[in-house]
Amino acid sequence: MGYFDKRQLIFVGNYAKPRCFKGNDATRLPVQYVNNNKAWMNRSLWNDWLIKFDQQMTRKNCKI
């Protein structure tokens, strides 16, 4: 069977510190939380994610 590498989900919200977190740290969530004013995945968020993904794959010596 093939090799499976699960990525953390990205949750895009409106606010940097939403009220629903109520003092909880966003880094402790089981997802990666990012924000922008329209809560949409945009080019800059995608590029940031892609660069981090490429760095992780390079460290693991994996090719896609």
Protein backbone atom coordinates (compact mmCIF):
# COMPACT_ATOMS: atom_id res chain seq x y z
CA MET A 1 0.00 0.00 0.00
CA GLY A 2 1.11 3.59 -0.60
CA TYR A 3 2.44 6.17 1.81
CA PHE A 4 -0.13 8.49 3.37
CA ASP A 5 0.76 11.80 4.97
CA LYS A 6 -2.13 13.60 6.62
CA ARG A 7 -2.06 17.38 6.67
CA GLN A 8 -3.64 19.57 9.32
CA LEU A 9 -6.87 21.25 8.18
CA ILE A 10 -6.88 24.99 7.65
CA PHE A 11 -9.77 26.95 9.12
CA VAL A 12 -10.12 30.49 7.73
CA GLY A 13 -12.03 32.94 9.91
CA ASN A 14 -12.75 36.66 10.07
CA TYR A 15 -11.08 37.57 13.35
CA ALA A 16 -7.60 37.04 14.76
CA LYS A 17 -9.08 36.24 18.19
CA PRO A 18 -12.71 35.12 17.82
CA ARG A 19 -14.96 35.23 20.88
CA CYS A 20 -15.68 31.53 20.59
CA PHE A 21 -12.07 30.76 21.64
CA LYS A 22 -12.61 32.60 24.98
CA GLY A 23 -9.02 32.69 26.11
CA ASN A 24 -7.99 29.43 24.45
CA ASP A 25 -4.89 29.55 22.33
CA ALA A 26 -5.54 28.99 18.60
CA THR A 27 -2.28 27.02 18.31
CA ARG A 28 -3.75 24.30 20.55
CA LEU A 29 -6.60 23.58 18.13
CA PRO A 30 -6.52 20.39 16.03
CA VAL A 31 -6.65 22.65 12.94
CA GLN A 32 -4.53 25.53 11.67
CA TYR A 33 -6.51 28.75 12.21
CA VAL A 34 -5.82 31.73 9.95
CA ASN A 35 -7.82 34.89 9.39
CA ASN A 36 -8.56 37.60 6.89
CA ASN A 37 -11.33 40.17 6.60
CA LYS A 38 -13.61 38.10 4.32
CA ALA A 39 -12.85 34.63 5.77
CA TRP A 40 -11.86 33.36 2.31
CA MET A 41 -8.83 31.40 1.23
CA ASN A 42 -6.87 33.88 -0.83
CA ARG A 43 -3.58 33.87 -2.70
CA SER A 44 -1.42 35.01 0.21
CA LEU A 45 -2.84 32.37 2.61
CA TRP A 46 -2.41 29.68 -0.01
CA ASN A 47 1.19 30.73 -0.77
CA ASP A 48 2.08 30.70 2.94
CA TRP A 49 0.62 27.21 3.32
CA LEU A 50 2.35 25.95 0.19
CA ILE A 51 5.76 27.27 1.28
CA LYS A 52 5.43 25.58 4.69
CA PHE A 53 4.34 22.35 3.00
CA ASP A 54 7.31 22.45 0.63
CA GLN A 55 9.70 23.03 3.54
CA GLN A 56 8.26 20.05 5.43
CA MET A 57 8.56 17.81 2.38
CA THR A 58 12.14 18.96 1.78
CA ARG A 59 13.07 18.11 5.40
CA LYS A 60 11.57 14.63 4.94
CA ASN A 61 13.41 14.26 1.61
CA CYS A 62 10.09 13.56 -0.14
CA LYS A 63 9.19 14.46 -3.68
CA ILE A 64 5.69 15.19 -4.89
